[in-house]
Amino acid sequence: MLPEAAVVQVRIQGPHTLWPHLGLTAVNSHGRHVPVPRAKALVLARWIIRSFPQAQWAASGGHAFDLRTAELRGLEA
């Protein structure tokens, strides 16, 4: 879906609302921002959140999903 991206960062913005807003940022292997259309960002964010329900999304500041290794790790604050 994102051949130029190496890592996507997923956050739930506003976890206390009835319909939380998802945030997704993609970066390449050099740490540069990769633009992602909104529809694609929502699909990717939902897929990652549903694939890792044990990650406690609402309680955390977000997670980074490495597209090369399929590893999920917490974001540093």
N, C-alpha and C. Protein backbone atom coordinates (compact mmCIF):
# COMPACT_ATOMS: atom_id res chain seq x y z
N MET A 1 0.81 -1.20 0.00
CA MET A 1 0.00 0.00 0.00
C MET A 1 0.85 1.26 0.00
N LEU A 2 1.96 1.23 0.71
CA LEU A 2 2.86 2.38 0.77
C LEU A 2 4.29 1.91 0.48
N PRO A 3 4.64 1.71 -0.77
CA PRO A 3 5.96 1.15 -1.07
C PRO A 3 7.13 2.03 -0.65
N GLU A 4 6.94 3.34 -0.57
CA GLU A 4 8.04 4.23 -0.19
C GLU A 4 8.17 4.42 1.31
N ALA A 5 7.21 3.95 2.09
CA ALA A 5 7.23 4.13 3.55
C ALA A 5 7.91 2.95 4.23
N ALA A 6 8.61 3.24 5.33
CA ALA A 6 9.25 2.19 6.12
C ALA A 6 8.53 1.99 7.45
N VAL A 7 8.00 3.07 8.02
CA VAL A 7 7.34 3.01 9.32
C VAL A 7 6.10 3.89 9.26
N VAL A 8 5.02 3.41 9.86
CA VAL A 8 3.84 4.25 10.04
C VAL A 8 3.58 4.41 11.53
N GLN A 9 3.25 5.62 11.91
CA GLN A 9 2.95 5.92 13.31
C GLN A 9 1.46 6.12 13.43
N VAL A 10 0.83 5.38 14.33
CA VAL A 10 -0.62 5.40 14.49
C VAL A 10 -0.97 5.90 15.89
N ARG A 11 -1.91 6.84 15.94
CA ARG A 11 -2.38 7.39 17.22
C ARG A 11 -3.90 7.47 17.19
N ILE A 12 -4.49 7.33 18.35
CA ILE A 12 -5.91 7.62 18.50
C ILE A 12 -5.98 8.99 19.13
N GLN A 13 -6.53 9.95 18.41
CA GLN A 13 -6.65 11.31 18.90
C GLN A 13 -8.03 11.49 19.49
N GLY A 14 -8.11 11.82 20.73
CA GLY A 14 -9.40 11.98 21.40
C GLY A 14 -10.01 10.65 21.79
N PRO A 15 -9.32 9.82 22.59
CA PRO A 15 -9.85 8.49 22.92
C PRO A 15 -11.09 8.52 23.82
N HIS A 16 -11.44 9.66 24.36
CA HIS A 16 -12.57 9.73 25.28
C HIS A 16 -13.86 10.16 24.58
N THR A 17 -13.82 10.38 23.27
CA THR A 17 -15.01 10.76 22.53
C THR A 17 -15.72 9.51 22.03
N LEU A 18 -16.94 9.68 21.60
CA LEU A 18 -17.72 8.56 21.11
C LEU A 18 -17.11 7.97 19.84
N TRP A 19 -16.58 8.81 18.98
CA TRP A 19 -15.97 8.37 17.72
C TRP A 19 -14.55 8.92 17.66
N PRO A 20 -13.55 8.18 18.12
CA PRO A 20 -12.17 8.72 18.14
C PRO A 20 -11.63 8.94 16.73
N HIS A 21 -10.79 9.93 16.60
CA HIS A 21 -10.16 10.23 15.33
C HIS A 21 -8.80 9.54 15.27
N LEU A 22 -8.55 8.88 14.18
CA LEU A 22 -7.29 8.17 14.01
C LEU A 22 -6.28 9.07 13.33
N GLY A 23 -5.04 8.97 13.76
CA GLY A 23 -3.96 9.72 13.13
C GLY A 23 -2.91 8.76 12.63
N LEU A 24 -2.44 8.97 11.40
CA LEU A 24 -1.40 8.11 10.83
C LEU A 24 -0.38 8.99 10.14
N THR A 25 0.88 8.76 10.45
CA THR A 25 1.99 9.46 9.81
C THR A 25 2.94 8.41 9.26
N ALA A 26 3.34 8.57 8.01
CA ALA A 26 4.26 7.62 7.39
C ALA A 26 5.61 8.30 7.18
N VAL A 27 6.68 7.55 7.44
CA VAL A 27 8.04 8.05 7.21
C VAL A 27 8.82 7.00 6.43
N ASN A 28 9.77 7.47 5.64
CA ASN A 28 10.59 6.53 4.87
C ASN A 28 11.81 6.11 5.68
N SER A 29 12.69 5.35 5.08
CA SER A 29 13.86 4.83 5.81
C SER A 29 14.85 5.93 6.19
N HIS A 30 14.72 7.11 5.60
CA HIS A 30 15.60 8.24 5.94
C HIS A 30 14.95 9.17 6.96
N GLY A 31 13.75 8.82 7.43
CA GLY A 31 13.07 9.64 8.42
C GLY A 31 12.27 10.79 7.85
N ARG A 32 12.08 10.82 6.55
CA ARG A 32 11.32 11.90 5.90
C ARG A 32 9.84 11.52 5.81
N HIS A 33 8.99 12.51 5.95
CA HIS A 33 7.55 12.33 5.89
C HIS A 33 7.12 11.87 4.49
N VAL A 34 6.24 10.89 4.44
CA VAL A 34 5.67 10.40 3.19
C VAL A 34 4.20 10.77 3.19
N PRO A 35 3.74 11.54 2.18
CA PRO A 35 2.33 11.92 2.16
C PRO A 35 1.42 10.70 1.92
N VAL A 36 0.33 10.64 2.69
CA VAL A 36 -0.63 9.55 2.58
C VAL A 36 -2.02 10.17 2.45
N PRO A 37 -2.77 9.81 1.42
CA PRO A 37 -4.14 10.33 1.30
C PRO A 37 -4.98 9.92 2.51
N ARG A 38 -5.93 10.75 2.88
CA ARG A 38 -6.74 10.53 4.09
C ARG A 38 -7.44 9.17 4.08
N ALA A 39 -8.04 8.80 2.97
CA ALA A 39 -8.76 7.52 2.92
C ALA A 39 -7.81 6.34 3.16
N LYS A 40 -6.64 6.40 2.56
CA LYS A 40 -5.66 5.33 2.74
C LYS A 40 -5.13 5.31 4.17
N ALA A 41 -4.93 6.49 4.74
CA ALA A 41 -4.45 6.58 6.13
C ALA A 41 -5.46 5.96 7.10
N LEU A 42 -6.74 6.21 6.89
CA LEU A 42 -7.76 5.64 7.76
C LEU A 42 -7.81 4.12 7.64
N VAL A 43 -7.73 3.61 6.43
CA VAL A 43 -7.75 2.15 6.22
C VAL A 43 -6.55 1.51 6.90
N LEU A 44 -5.36 2.08 6.71
CA LEU A 44 -4.15 1.53 7.33
C LEU A 44 -4.21 1.60 8.85
N ALA A 45 -4.64 2.72 9.38
CA ALA A 45 -4.72 2.88 10.84
C ALA A 45 -5.69 1.87 11.43
N ARG A 46 -6.85 1.71 10.82
CA ARG A 46 -7.83 0.75 11.32
C ARG A 46 -7.29 -0.67 11.24
N TRP A 47 -6.61 -1.00 10.16
CA TRP A 47 -6.06 -2.35 10.01
C TRP A 47 -5.02 -2.64 11.09
N ILE A 48 -4.15 -1.68 11.36
CA ILE A 48 -3.10 -1.88 12.37
C ILE A 48 -3.73 -1.99 13.76
N ILE A 49 -4.69 -1.13 14.08
CA ILE A 49 -5.34 -1.17 15.39
C ILE A 49 -6.08 -2.48 15.59
N ARG A 50 -6.75 -2.96 14.57
CA ARG A 50 -7.49 -4.22 14.69
C ARG A 50 -6.55 -5.43 14.73
N SER A 51 -5.38 -5.31 14.14
CA SER A 51 -4.42 -6.41 14.16
C SER A 51 -3.71 -6.55 15.50
N PHE A 52 -3.66 -5.46 16.27
CA PHE A 52 -2.97 -5.45 17.56
C PHE A 52 -3.90 -4.91 18.65
N PRO A 53 -4.98 -5.62 18.97
CA PRO A 53 -5.91 -5.10 19.98
C PRO A 53 -5.32 -5.06 21.39
N GLN A 54 -4.30 -5.86 21.65
CA GLN A 54 -3.68 -5.91 22.97
C GLN A 54 -2.77 -4.71 23.24
N ALA A 55 -2.60 -3.81 22.31
CA ALA A 55 -1.65 -2.71 22.44
C ALA A 55 -2.16 -1.56 23.30
N GLN A 56 -3.38 -1.60 23.81
CA GLN A 56 -3.95 -0.55 24.66
C GLN A 56 -3.84 0.82 23.99
N TRP A 57 -4.48 0.94 22.86
CA TRP A 57 -4.39 2.15 22.04
C TRP A 57 -4.88 3.39 22.75
N ALA A 58 -6.00 3.29 23.45
CA ALA A 58 -6.57 4.48 24.09
C ALA A 58 -5.69 5.00 25.22
N ALA A 59 -4.98 4.11 25.89
CA ALA A 59 -4.16 4.51 27.03
C ALA A 59 -2.76 5.00 26.62
N SER A 60 -2.36 4.72 25.40
CA SER A 60 -1.00 5.07 24.97
C SER A 60 -0.99 6.32 24.11
N GLY A 61 0.19 6.83 23.87
CA GLY A 61 0.36 7.98 22.99
C GLY A 61 0.47 7.58 21.53
N GLY A 62 0.35 6.31 21.25
CA GLY A 62 0.44 5.83 19.88
C GLY A 62 1.53 4.78 19.75
N HIS A 63 1.59 4.19 18.59
CA HIS A 63 2.56 3.15 18.32
C HIS A 63 3.13 3.32 16.92
N ALA A 64 4.32 2.81 16.74
CA ALA A 64 4.96 2.81 15.42
C ALA A 64 4.97 1.38 14.90
N PHE A 65 4.51 1.20 13.67
CA PHE A 65 4.47 -0.11 13.04
C PHE A 65 5.51 -0.12 11.93
N ASP A 66 6.51 -0.97 12.07
CA ASP A 66 7.58 -1.08 11.08
C ASP A 66 7.08 -1.97 9.94
N LEU A 67 6.95 -1.41 8.77
CA LEU A 67 6.44 -2.15 7.61
C LEU A 67 7.43 -3.18 7.09
N ARG A 68 8.69 -3.03 7.41
CA ARG A 68 9.71 -3.97 6.93
C ARG A 68 9.76 -5.23 7.79
N THR A 69 9.56 -5.08 9.11
CA THR A 69 9.68 -6.22 10.02
C THR A 69 8.36 -6.63 10.64
N ALA A 70 7.31 -5.86 10.43
CA ALA A 70 5.97 -6.10 11.00
C ALA A 70 6.00 -6.08 12.52
N GLU A 71 6.84 -5.23 13.10
CA GLU A 71 6.93 -5.08 14.56
C GLU A 71 6.19 -3.81 14.98
N LEU A 72 5.51 -3.91 16.10
CA LEU A 72 4.82 -2.78 16.69
C LEU A 72 5.57 -2.35 17.93
N ARG A 73 5.85 -1.06 18.06
CA ARG A 73 6.53 -0.57 19.26
C ARG A 73 5.90 0.77 19.66
N GLY A 74 6.03 1.11 20.93
CA GLY A 74 5.46 2.36 21.44
C GLY A 74 6.22 3.57 20.94
N LEU A 75 5.52 4.68 20.83
CA LEU A 75 6.16 5.93 20.43
C LEU A 75 6.78 6.58 21.64
N GLU A 76 7.93 7.17 21.45
CA GLU A 76 8.57 7.91 22.53
C GLU A 76 7.88 9.27 22.64
N ALA A 77 7.59 9.69 23.87
CA ALA A 77 6.87 10.94 24.08
C ALA A 77 7.72 12.14 23.81
